[in-house]
Amino acid sequence: TKIDADAIMISATHTHTAPQIRERYLG
């Protein structure tokens, strides 16, 4: 998009009922 890296804000909503996205916790 050529949008400046400083101009991109991505947040997590923090829903707890979501997939595990950290490989170390796949157990």
mmCIF file of all heavy atoms, coordinates in Angstrom:
data_MODEL
# 
_entry.id   MODEL 
# 
loop_
_atom_site.group_PDB 
_atom_site.id 
_atom_site.type_symbol 
_atom_site.label_atom_id 
_atom_site.label_alt_id 
_atom_site.label_comp_id 
_atom_site.label_asym_id 
_atom_site.label_entity_id 
_atom_site.label_seq_id 
_atom_site.pdbx_PDB_ins_code 
_atom_site.Cartn_x 
_atom_site.Cartn_y 
_atom_site.Cartn_z 
_atom_site.occupancy 
_atom_site.B_iso_or_equiv 
_atom_site.pdbx_formal_charge 
_atom_site.auth_seq_id 
_atom_site.auth_comp_id 
_atom_site.auth_asym_id 
_atom_site.auth_atom_id 
_atom_site.pdbx_PDB_model_num 
ATOM 1   N N   . THR A 1 1  ? 0.802   -1.226  0.000  1.00 0.00 ? 1  THR A N   1 
ATOM 2   C CA  . THR A 1 1  ? 0.000   0.000   0.000  1.00 0.00 ? 1  THR A CA  1 
ATOM 3   C C   . THR A 1 1  ? 0.833   1.274   0.000  1.00 0.00 ? 1  THR A C   1 
ATOM 4   O O   . THR A 1 1  ? 0.292   2.353   -0.234 1.00 0.00 ? 1  THR A O   1 
ATOM 5   C CB  . THR A 1 1  ? -0.904  0.042   1.240  1.00 0.00 ? 1  THR A CB  1 
ATOM 6   O OG1 . THR A 1 1  ? -0.090  0.203   2.412  1.00 0.00 ? 1  THR A OG1 1 
ATOM 7   C CG2 . THR A 1 1  ? -1.742  -1.231  1.364  1.00 0.00 ? 1  THR A CG2 1 
ATOM 8   N N   . LYS A 1 2  ? 2.119   1.141   0.314  1.00 0.00 ? 2  LYS A N   1 
ATOM 9   C CA  . LYS A 1 2  ? 3.014   2.294   0.454  1.00 0.00 ? 2  LYS A CA  1 
ATOM 10  C C   . LYS A 1 2  ? 2.644   3.181   1.636  1.00 0.00 ? 2  LYS A C   1 
ATOM 11  O O   . LYS A 1 2  ? 3.145   4.304   1.762  1.00 0.00 ? 2  LYS A O   1 
ATOM 12  C CB  . LYS A 1 2  ? 3.065   3.136   -0.833 1.00 0.00 ? 2  LYS A CB  1 
ATOM 13  C CG  . LYS A 1 2  ? 3.342   2.327   -2.097 1.00 0.00 ? 2  LYS A CG  1 
ATOM 14  C CD  . LYS A 1 2  ? 4.599   1.485   -1.979 1.00 0.00 ? 2  LYS A CD  1 
ATOM 15  C CE  . LYS A 1 2  ? 4.823   0.667   -3.244 1.00 0.00 ? 2  LYS A CE  1 
ATOM 16  N NZ  . LYS A 1 2  ? 5.968   -0.281  -3.100 1.00 0.00 ? 2  LYS A NZ  1 
ATOM 17  N N   . ILE A 1 3  ? 1.764   2.701   2.520  1.00 0.00 ? 3  ILE A N   1 
ATOM 18  C CA  . ILE A 1 3  ? 1.482   3.441   3.746  1.00 0.00 ? 3  ILE A CA  1 
ATOM 19  C C   . ILE A 1 3  ? 2.726   3.398   4.634  1.00 0.00 ? 3  ILE A C   1 
ATOM 20  O O   . ILE A 1 3  ? 3.365   2.345   4.785  1.00 0.00 ? 3  ILE A O   1 
ATOM 21  C CB  . ILE A 1 3  ? 0.267   2.846   4.482  1.00 0.00 ? 3  ILE A CB  1 
ATOM 22  C CG1 . ILE A 1 3  ? -0.994  2.978   3.621  1.00 0.00 ? 3  ILE A CG1 1 
ATOM 23  C CG2 . ILE A 1 3  ? 0.053   3.527   5.828  1.00 0.00 ? 3  ILE A CG2 1 
ATOM 24  C CD1 . ILE A 1 3  ? -2.219  2.305   4.204  1.00 0.00 ? 3  ILE A CD1 1 
ATOM 25  N N   . ASP A 1 4  ? 3.085   4.517   5.208  1.00 0.00 ? 4  ASP A N   1 
ATOM 26  C CA  . ASP A 1 4  ? 4.264   4.622   6.062  1.00 0.00 ? 4  ASP A CA  1 
ATOM 27  C C   . ASP A 1 4  ? 4.162   3.638   7.225  1.00 0.00 ? 4  ASP A C   1 
ATOM 28  O O   . ASP A 1 4  ? 3.100   3.500   7.844  1.00 0.00 ? 4  ASP A O   1 
ATOM 29  C CB  . ASP A 1 4  ? 4.361   6.052   6.595  1.00 0.00 ? 4  ASP A CB  1 
ATOM 30  C CG  . ASP A 1 4  ? 5.705   6.375   7.233  1.00 0.00 ? 4  ASP A CG  1 
ATOM 31  O OD1 . ASP A 1 4  ? 6.325   5.468   7.807  1.00 0.00 ? 4  ASP A OD1 1 
ATOM 32  O OD2 . ASP A 1 4  ? 6.120   7.543   7.151  1.00 0.00 ? 4  ASP A OD2 1 
ATOM 33  N N   . ALA A 1 5  ? 5.253   2.959   7.536  1.00 0.00 ? 5  ALA A N   1 
ATOM 34  C CA  . ALA A 1 5  ? 5.261   2.011   8.655  1.00 0.00 ? 5  ALA A CA  1 
ATOM 35  C C   . ALA A 1 5  ? 4.851   2.669   9.966  1.00 0.00 ? 5  ALA A C   1 
ATOM 36  O O   . ALA A 1 5  ? 4.210   2.033   10.817 1.00 0.00 ? 5  ALA A O   1 
ATOM 37  C CB  . ALA A 1 5  ? 6.649   1.383   8.793  1.00 0.00 ? 5  ALA A CB  1 
ATOM 38  N N   . ASP A 1 6  ? 5.200   3.934   10.135 1.00 0.00 ? 6  ASP A N   1 
ATOM 39  C CA  . ASP A 1 6  ? 4.844   4.649   11.362 1.00 0.00 ? 6  ASP A CA  1 
ATOM 40  C C   . ASP A 1 6  ? 3.348   4.943   11.453 1.00 0.00 ? 6  ASP A C   1 
ATOM 41  O O   . ASP A 1 6  ? 2.860   5.369   12.496 1.00 0.00 ? 6  ASP A O   1 
ATOM 42  C CB  . ASP A 1 6  ? 5.606   5.978   11.444 1.00 0.00 ? 6  ASP A CB  1 
ATOM 43  C CG  . ASP A 1 6  ? 7.091   5.786   11.681 1.00 0.00 ? 6  ASP A CG  1 
ATOM 44  O OD1 . ASP A 1 6  ? 7.508   4.648   11.930 1.00 0.00 ? 6  ASP A OD1 1 
ATOM 45  O OD2 . ASP A 1 6  ? 7.834   6.784   11.610 1.00 0.00 ? 6  ASP A OD2 1 
ATOM 46  N N   . ALA A 1 7  ? 2.620   4.735   10.354 1.00 0.00 ? 7  ALA A N   1 
ATOM 47  C CA  . ALA A 1 7  ? 1.212   5.109   10.281 1.00 0.00 ? 7  ALA A CA  1 
ATOM 48  C C   . ALA A 1 7  ? 0.278   3.907   10.333 1.00 0.00 ? 7  ALA A C   1 
ATOM 49  O O   . ALA A 1 7  ? -0.896  4.030   10.013 1.00 0.00 ? 7  ALA A O   1 
ATOM 50  C CB  . ALA A 1 7  ? 0.961   5.903   9.004  1.00 0.00 ? 7  ALA A CB  1 
ATOM 51  N N   . ILE A 1 8  ? 0.797   2.747   10.743 1.00 0.00 ? 8  ILE A N   1 
ATOM 52  C CA  . ILE A 1 8  ? 0.002   1.519   10.768 1.00 0.00 ? 8  ILE A CA  1 
ATOM 53  C C   . ILE A 1 8  ? -0.195  1.087   12.213 1.00 0.00 ? 8  ILE A C   1 
ATOM 54  O O   . ILE A 1 8  ? 0.764   0.765   12.922 1.00 0.00 ? 8  ILE A O   1 
ATOM 55  C CB  . ILE A 1 8  ? 0.702   0.403   9.975  1.00 0.00 ? 8  ILE A CB  1 
ATOM 56  C CG1 . ILE A 1 8  ? 0.872   0.832   8.513  1.00 0.00 ? 8  ILE A CG1 1 
ATOM 57  C CG2 . ILE A 1 8  ? -0.086  -0.898  10.067 1.00 0.00 ? 8  ILE A CG2 1 
ATOM 58  C CD1 . ILE A 1 8  ? 1.817   -0.063  7.729  1.00 0.00 ? 8  ILE A CD1 1 
ATOM 59  N N   . MET A 1 9  ? -1.437  1.072   12.675 1.00 0.00 ? 9  MET A N   1 
ATOM 60  C CA  . MET A 1 9  ? -1.777  0.681   14.043 1.00 0.00 ? 9  MET A CA  1 
ATOM 61  C C   . MET A 1 9  ? -2.695  -0.544  13.986 1.00 0.00 ? 9  MET A C   1 
ATOM 62  O O   . MET A 1 9  ? -3.827  -0.452  13.522 1.00 0.00 ? 9  MET A O   1 
ATOM 63  C CB  . MET A 1 9  ? -2.472  1.824   14.784 1.00 0.00 ? 9  MET A CB  1 
ATOM 64  C CG  . MET A 1 9  ? -2.835  1.507   16.236 1.00 0.00 ? 9  MET A CG  1 
ATOM 65  S SD  . MET A 1 9  ? -3.776  2.855   17.062 1.00 0.00 ? 9  MET A SD  1 
ATOM 66  C CE  . MET A 1 9  ? -2.530  4.141   17.156 1.00 0.00 ? 9  MET A CE  1 
ATOM 67  N N   . ILE A 1 10 ? -2.206  -1.678  14.442 1.00 0.00 ? 10 ILE A N   1 
ATOM 68  C CA  . ILE A 1 10 ? -2.999  -2.907  14.482 1.00 0.00 ? 10 ILE A CA  1 
ATOM 69  C C   . ILE A 1 10 ? -3.071  -3.377  15.926 1.00 0.00 ? 10 ILE A C   1 
ATOM 70  O O   . ILE A 1 10 ? -2.056  -3.619  16.572 1.00 0.00 ? 10 ILE A O   1 
ATOM 71  C CB  . ILE A 1 10 ? -2.394  -4.021  13.619 1.00 0.00 ? 10 ILE A CB  1 
ATOM 72  C CG1 . ILE A 1 10 ? -2.168  -3.544  12.184 1.00 0.00 ? 10 ILE A CG1 1 
ATOM 73  C CG2 . ILE A 1 10 ? -3.294  -5.254  13.624 1.00 0.00 ? 10 ILE A CG2 1 
ATOM 74  C CD1 . ILE A 1 10 ? -1.495  -4.574  11.297 1.00 0.00 ? 10 ILE A CD1 1 
ATOM 75  N N   . SER A 1 11 ? -4.287  -3.521  16.434 1.00 0.00 ? 11 SER A N   1 
ATOM 76  C CA  . SER A 1 11 ? -4.458  -3.973  17.811 1.00 0.00 ? 11 SER A CA  1 
ATOM 77  C C   . SER A 1 11 ? -5.210  -5.295  17.841 1.00 0.00 ? 11 SER A C   1 
ATOM 78  O O   . SER A 1 11 ? -5.878  -5.670  16.876 1.00 0.00 ? 11 SER A O   1 
ATOM 79  C CB  . SER A 1 11 ? -5.221  -2.932  18.638 1.00 0.00 ? 11 SER A CB  1 
ATOM 80  O OG  . SER A 1 11 ? -6.530  -2.745  18.132 1.00 0.00 ? 11 SER A OG  1 
ATOM 81  N N   . ALA A 1 12 ? -5.073  -6.009  18.936 1.00 0.00 ? 12 ALA A N   1 
ATOM 82  C CA  . ALA A 1 12 ? -5.863  -7.208  19.189 1.00 0.00 ? 12 ALA A CA  1 
ATOM 83  C C   . ALA A 1 12 ? -7.070  -6.822  20.030 1.00 0.00 ? 12 ALA A C   1 
ATOM 84  O O   . ALA A 1 12 ? -6.952  -6.010  20.958 1.00 0.00 ? 12 ALA A O   1 
ATOM 85  C CB  . ALA A 1 12 ? -5.031  -8.254  19.922 1.00 0.00 ? 12 ALA A CB  1 
ATOM 86  N N   . THR A 1 13 ? -8.234  -7.398  19.727 1.00 0.00 ? 13 THR A N   1 
ATOM 87  C CA  . THR A 1 13 ? -9.415  -7.099  20.536 1.00 0.00 ? 13 THR A CA  1 
ATOM 88  C C   . THR A 1 13 ? -9.338  -7.758  21.906 1.00 0.00 ? 13 THR A C   1 
ATOM 89  O O   . THR A 1 13 ? -10.020 -7.362  22.830 1.00 0.00 ? 13 THR A O   1 
ATOM 90  C CB  . THR A 1 13 ? -10.696 -7.571  19.846 1.00 0.00 ? 13 THR A CB  1 
ATOM 91  O OG1 . THR A 1 13 ? -10.664 -8.996  19.702 1.00 0.00 ? 13 THR A OG1 1 
ATOM 92  C CG2 . THR A 1 13 ? -10.856 -6.906  18.482 1.00 0.00 ? 13 THR A CG2 1 
ATOM 93  N N   . HIS A 1 14 ? -8.520  -8.799  22.024 1.00 0.00 ? 14 HIS A N   1 
ATOM 94  C CA  . HIS A 1 14 ? -8.287  -9.533  23.258 1.00 0.00 ? 14 HIS A CA  1 
ATOM 95  C C   . HIS A 1 14 ? -9.377  -10.549 23.566 1.00 0.00 ? 14 HIS A C   1 
ATOM 96  O O   . HIS A 1 14 ? -9.532  -10.967 24.719 1.00 0.00 ? 14 HIS A O   1 
ATOM 97  C CB  . HIS A 1 14 ? -8.095  -8.582  24.444 1.00 0.00 ? 14 HIS A CB  1 
ATOM 98  C CG  . HIS A 1 14 ? -7.348  -9.200  25.598 1.00 0.00 ? 14 HIS A CG  1 
ATOM 99  N ND1 . HIS A 1 14 ? -6.135  -9.839  25.450 1.00 0.00 ? 14 HIS A ND1 1 
ATOM 100 C CD2 . HIS A 1 14 ? -7.645  -9.296  26.921 1.00 0.00 ? 14 HIS A CD2 1 
ATOM 101 C CE1 . HIS A 1 14 ? -5.719  -10.280 26.621 1.00 0.00 ? 14 HIS A CE1 1 
ATOM 102 N NE2 . HIS A 1 14 ? -6.619  -9.976  27.536 1.00 0.00 ? 14 HIS A NE2 1 
ATOM 103 N N   . THR A 1 15 ? -10.140 -10.989 22.554 1.00 0.00 ? 15 THR A N   1 
ATOM 104 C CA  . THR A 1 15 ? -11.055 -12.080 22.802 1.00 0.00 ? 15 THR A CA  1 
ATOM 105 C C   . THR A 1 15 ? -10.275 -13.317 23.240 1.00 0.00 ? 15 THR A C   1 
ATOM 106 O O   . THR A 1 15 ? -9.268  -13.672 22.634 1.00 0.00 ? 15 THR A O   1 
ATOM 107 C CB  . THR A 1 15 ? -11.915 -12.415 21.573 1.00 0.00 ? 15 THR A CB  1 
ATOM 108 O OG1 . THR A 1 15 ? -12.718 -13.567 21.868 1.00 0.00 ? 15 THR A OG1 1 
ATOM 109 C CG2 . THR A 1 15 ? -11.074 -12.702 20.334 1.00 0.00 ? 15 THR A CG2 1 
ATOM 110 N N   . HIS A 1 16 ? -10.743 -13.940 24.317 1.00 0.00 ? 16 HIS A N   1 
ATOM 111 C CA  . HIS A 1 16 ? -10.061 -15.127 24.837 1.00 0.00 ? 16 HIS A CA  1 
ATOM 112 C C   . HIS A 1 16 ? -10.548 -16.412 24.164 1.00 0.00 ? 16 HIS A C   1 
ATOM 113 O O   . HIS A 1 16 ? -9.937  -17.463 24.335 1.00 0.00 ? 16 HIS A O   1 
ATOM 114 C CB  . HIS A 1 16 ? -10.285 -15.233 26.351 1.00 0.00 ? 16 HIS A CB  1 
ATOM 115 C CG  . HIS A 1 16 ? -9.433  -14.309 27.162 1.00 0.00 ? 16 HIS A CG  1 
ATOM 116 N ND1 . HIS A 1 16 ? -9.394  -12.951 26.946 1.00 0.00 ? 16 HIS A ND1 1 
ATOM 117 C CD2 . HIS A 1 16 ? -8.587  -14.538 28.203 1.00 0.00 ? 16 HIS A CD2 1 
ATOM 118 C CE1 . HIS A 1 16 ? -8.564  -12.395 27.812 1.00 0.00 ? 16 HIS A CE1 1 
ATOM 119 N NE2 . HIS A 1 16 ? -8.058  -13.328 28.588 1.00 0.00 ? 16 HIS A NE2 1 
ATOM 120 N N   . THR A 1 17 ? -11.646 -16.315 23.422 1.00 0.00 ? 17 THR A N   1 
ATOM 121 C CA  . THR A 1 17 ? -12.209 -17.509 22.788 1.00 0.00 ? 17 THR A CA  1 
ATOM 122 C C   . THR A 1 17 ? -11.776 -17.515 21.329 1.00 0.00 ? 17 THR A C   1 
ATOM 123 O O   . THR A 1 17 ? -12.573 -17.315 20.408 1.00 0.00 ? 17 THR A O   1 
ATOM 124 C CB  . THR A 1 17 ? -13.736 -17.518 22.936 1.00 0.00 ? 17 THR A CB  1 
ATOM 125 O OG1 . THR A 1 17 ? -14.079 -17.090 24.259 1.00 0.00 ? 17 THR A OG1 1 
ATOM 126 C CG2 . THR A 1 17 ? -14.293 -18.918 22.744 1.00 0.00 ? 17 THR A CG2 1 
ATOM 127 N N   . ALA A 1 18 ? -10.485 -17.735 21.139 1.00 0.00 ? 18 ALA A N   1 
ATOM 128 C CA  . ALA A 1 18 ? -9.838  -17.615 19.837 1.00 0.00 ? 18 ALA A CA  1 
ATOM 129 C C   . ALA A 1 18 ? -8.759  -18.688 19.715 1.00 0.00 ? 18 ALA A C   1 
ATOM 130 O O   . ALA A 1 18 ? -8.388  -19.338 20.700 1.00 0.00 ? 18 ALA A O   1 
ATOM 131 C CB  . ALA A 1 18 ? -9.232  -16.218 19.697 1.00 0.00 ? 18 ALA A CB  1 
ATOM 132 N N   . PRO A 1 19 ? -8.210  -18.874 18.519 1.00 0.00 ? 19 PRO A N   1 
ATOM 133 C CA  . PRO A 1 19 ? -7.186  -19.906 18.338 1.00 0.00 ? 19 PRO A CA  1 
ATOM 134 C C   . PRO A 1 19 ? -5.896  -19.592 19.082 1.00 0.00 ? 19 PRO A C   1 
ATOM 135 O O   . PRO A 1 19 ? -5.577  -18.429 19.366 1.00 0.00 ? 19 PRO A O   1 
ATOM 136 C CB  . PRO A 1 19 ? -6.945  -19.903 16.824 1.00 0.00 ? 19 PRO A CB  1 
ATOM 137 C CG  . PRO A 1 19 ? -8.128  -19.240 16.231 1.00 0.00 ? 19 PRO A CG  1 
ATOM 138 C CD  . PRO A 1 19 ? -8.597  -18.248 17.250 1.00 0.00 ? 19 PRO A CD  1 
ATOM 139 N N   . GLN A 1 20 ? -5.167  -20.643 19.373 1.00 0.00 ? 20 GLN A N   1 
ATOM 140 C CA  . GLN A 1 20 ? -3.835  -20.505 19.950 1.00 0.00 ? 20 GLN A CA  1 
ATOM 141 C C   . GLN A 1 20 ? -2.862  -20.150 18.823 1.00 0.00 ? 20 GLN A C   1 
ATOM 142 O O   . GLN A 1 20 ? -2.675  -20.923 17.880 1.00 0.00 ? 20 GLN A O   1 
ATOM 143 C CB  . GLN A 1 20 ? -3.404  -21.822 20.603 1.00 0.00 ? 20 GLN A CB  1 
ATOM 144 C CG  . GLN A 1 20 ? -2.004  -21.832 21.181 1.00 0.00 ? 20 GLN A CG  1 
ATOM 145 C CD  . GLN A 1 20 ? -1.779  -20.712 22.173 1.00 0.00 ? 20 GLN A CD  1 
ATOM 146 O OE1 . GLN A 1 20 ? -1.161  -19.694 21.851 1.00 0.00 ? 20 GLN A OE1 1 
ATOM 147 N NE2 . GLN A 1 20 ? -2.283  -20.898 23.377 1.00 0.00 ? 20 GLN A NE2 1 
ATOM 148 N N   . ILE A 1 21 ? -2.257  -18.970 18.887 1.00 0.00 ? 21 ILE A N   1 
ATOM 149 C CA  . ILE A 1 21 ? -1.367  -18.540 17.809 1.00 0.00 ? 21 ILE A CA  1 
ATOM 150 C C   . ILE A 1 21 ? 0.088   -18.450 18.261 1.00 0.00 ? 21 ILE A C   1 
ATOM 151 O O   . ILE A 1 21 ? 0.905   -17.818 17.595 1.00 0.00 ? 21 ILE A O   1 
ATOM 152 C CB  . ILE A 1 21 ? -1.830  -17.195 17.206 1.00 0.00 ? 21 ILE A CB  1 
ATOM 153 C CG1 . ILE A 1 21 ? -1.903  -16.091 18.260 1.00 0.00 ? 21 ILE A CG1 1 
ATOM 154 C CG2 . ILE A 1 21 ? -3.173  -17.373 16.506 1.00 0.00 ? 21 ILE A CG2 1 
ATOM 155 C CD1 . ILE A 1 21 ? -2.228  -14.711 17.663 1.00 0.00 ? 21 ILE A CD1 1 
ATOM 156 N N   . ARG A 1 22 ? 0.406   -19.114 19.382 1.00 0.00 ? 22 ARG A N   1 
ATOM 157 C CA  . ARG A 1 22 ? 1.789   -19.218 19.827 1.00 0.00 ? 22 ARG A CA  1 
ATOM 158 C C   . ARG A 1 22 ? 2.180   -20.689 19.827 1.00 0.00 ? 22 ARG A C   1 
ATOM 159 O O   . ARG A 1 22 ? 1.661   -21.483 20.597 1.00 0.00 ? 22 ARG A O   1 
ATOM 160 C CB  . ARG A 1 22 ? 1.956   -18.567 21.207 1.00 0.00 ? 22 ARG A CB  1 
ATOM 161 C CG  . ARG A 1 22 ? 1.922   -17.043 21.121 1.00 0.00 ? 22 ARG A CG  1 
ATOM 162 C CD  . ARG A 1 22 ? 1.741   -16.395 22.469 1.00 0.00 ? 22 ARG A CD  1 
ATOM 163 N NE  . ARG A 1 22 ? 1.908   -14.955 22.383 1.00 0.00 ? 22 ARG A NE  1 
ATOM 164 C CZ  . ARG A 1 22 ? 0.976   -14.104 21.935 1.00 0.00 ? 22 ARG A CZ  1 
ATOM 165 N NH1 . ARG A 1 22 ? -0.199  -14.567 21.526 1.00 0.00 ? 22 ARG A NH1 1 
ATOM 166 N NH2 . ARG A 1 22 ? 1.214   -12.813 21.895 1.00 0.00 ? 22 ARG A NH2 1 
ATOM 167 N N   . GLU A 1 23 ? 3.119   -21.001 18.946 1.00 0.00 ? 23 GLU A N   1 
ATOM 168 C CA  . GLU A 1 23 ? 3.465   -22.398 18.701 1.00 0.00 ? 23 GLU A CA  1 
ATOM 169 C C   . GLU A 1 23 ? 3.912   -23.110 19.971 1.00 0.00 ? 23 GLU A C   1 
ATOM 170 O O   . GLU A 1 23 ? 3.644   -24.304 20.158 1.00 0.00 ? 23 GLU A O   1 
ATOM 171 C CB  . GLU A 1 23 ? 4.552   -22.477 17.638 1.00 0.00 ? 23 GLU A CB  1 
ATOM 172 C CG  . GLU A 1 23 ? 4.905   -23.878 17.202 1.00 0.00 ? 23 GLU A CG  1 
ATOM 173 C CD  . GLU A 1 23 ? 5.911   -23.899 16.079 1.00 0.00 ? 23 GLU A CD  1 
ATOM 174 O OE1 . GLU A 1 23 ? 6.178   -22.836 15.475 1.00 0.00 ? 23 GLU A OE1 1 
ATOM 175 O OE2 . GLU A 1 23 ? 6.452   -24.997 15.781 1.00 0.00 ? 23 GLU A OE2 1 
ATOM 176 N N   . ARG A 1 24 ? 4.556   -22.394 20.883 1.00 0.00 ? 24 ARG A N   1 
ATOM 177 C CA  . ARG A 1 24 ? 5.098   -23.046 22.071 1.00 0.00 ? 24 ARG A CA  1 
ATOM 178 C C   . ARG A 1 24 ? 4.005   -23.567 23.005 1.00 0.00 ? 24 ARG A C   1 
ATOM 179 O O   . ARG A 1 24 ? 4.296   -24.367 23.901 1.00 0.00 ? 24 ARG A O   1 
ATOM 180 C CB  . ARG A 1 24 ? 6.020   -22.081 22.830 1.00 0.00 ? 24 ARG A CB  1 
ATOM 181 C CG  . ARG A 1 24 ? 5.327   -20.878 23.465 1.00 0.00 ? 24 ARG A CG  1 
ATOM 182 C CD  . ARG A 1 24 ? 6.364   -19.943 24.064 1.00 0.00 ? 24 ARG A CD  1 
ATOM 183 N NE  . ARG A 1 24 ? 5.796   -18.816 24.789 1.00 0.00 ? 24 ARG A NE  1 
ATOM 184 C CZ  . ARG A 1 24 ? 5.382   -17.692 24.235 1.00 0.00 ? 24 ARG A CZ  1 
ATOM 185 N NH1 . ARG A 1 24 ? 5.431   -17.550 22.920 1.00 0.00 ? 24 ARG A NH1 1 
ATOM 186 N NH2 . ARG A 1 24 ? 4.908   -16.699 24.974 1.00 0.00 ? 24 ARG A NH2 1 
ATOM 187 N N   . TYR A 1 25 ? 2.760   -23.115 22.819 1.00 0.00 ? 25 TYR A N   1 
ATOM 188 C CA  . TYR A 1 25 ? 1.665   -23.567 23.668 1.00 0.00 ? 25 TYR A CA  1 
ATOM 189 C C   . TYR A 1 25 ? 0.796   -24.643 23.013 1.00 0.00 ? 25 TYR A C   1 
ATOM 190 O O   . TYR A 1 25 ? -0.267  -24.973 23.524 1.00 0.00 ? 25 TYR A O   1 
ATOM 191 C CB  . TYR A 1 25 ? 0.779   -22.382 24.071 1.00 0.00 ? 25 TYR A CB  1 
ATOM 192 C CG  . TYR A 1 25 ? 1.432   -21.432 25.040 1.00 0.00 ? 25 TYR A CG  1 
ATOM 193 C CD1 . TYR A 1 25 ? 1.498   -20.079 24.758 1.00 0.00 ? 25 TYR A CD1 1 
ATOM 194 C CD2 . TYR A 1 25 ? 1.982   -21.895 26.237 1.00 0.00 ? 25 TYR A CD2 1 
ATOM 195 C CE1 . TYR A 1 25 ? 2.097   -19.188 25.645 1.00 0.00 ? 25 TYR A CE1 1 
ATOM 196 C CE2 . TYR A 1 25 ? 2.590   -21.020 27.123 1.00 0.00 ? 25 TYR A CE2 1 
ATOM 197 C CZ  . TYR A 1 25 ? 2.642   -19.671 26.822 1.00 0.00 ? 25 TYR A CZ  1 
ATOM 198 O OH  . TYR A 1 25 ? 3.231   -18.796 27.695 1.00 0.00 ? 25 TYR A OH  1 
ATOM 199 N N   . LEU A 1 26 ? 1.238   -25.170 21.905 1.00 0.00 ? 26 LEU A N   1 
ATOM 200 C CA  . LEU A 1 26 ? 0.425   -26.198 21.252 1.00 0.00 ? 26 LEU A CA  1 
ATOM 201 C C   . LEU A 1 26 ? 0.450   -27.516 22.008 1.00 0.00 ? 26 LEU A C   1 
ATOM 202 O O   . LEU A 1 26 ? -0.441  -28.353 21.849 1.00 0.00 ? 26 LEU A O   1 
ATOM 203 C CB  . LEU A 1 26 ? 0.889   -26.398 19.808 1.00 0.00 ? 26 LEU A CB  1 
ATOM 204 C CG  . LEU A 1 26 ? 0.633   -25.188 18.889 1.00 0.00 ? 26 LEU A CG  1 
ATOM 205 C CD1 . LEU A 1 26 ? 1.165   -25.460 17.498 1.00 0.00 ? 26 LEU A CD1 1 
ATOM 206 C CD2 . LEU A 1 26 ? -0.851  -24.848 18.850 1.00 0.00 ? 26 LEU A CD2 1 
ATOM 207 N N   . GLY A 1 27 ? 1.494   -27.715 22.820 1.00 0.00 ? 27 GLY A N   1 
ATOM 208 C CA  . GLY A 1 27 ? 1.520   -28.838 23.756 1.00 0.00 ? 27 GLY A CA  1 
ATOM 209 C C   . GLY A 1 27 ? 1.336   -30.187 23.100 1.00 0.00 ? 27 GLY A C   1 
ATOM 210 O O   . GLY A 1 27 ? 1.958   -30.500 22.081 1.00 0.00 ? 27 GLY A O   1 
# 
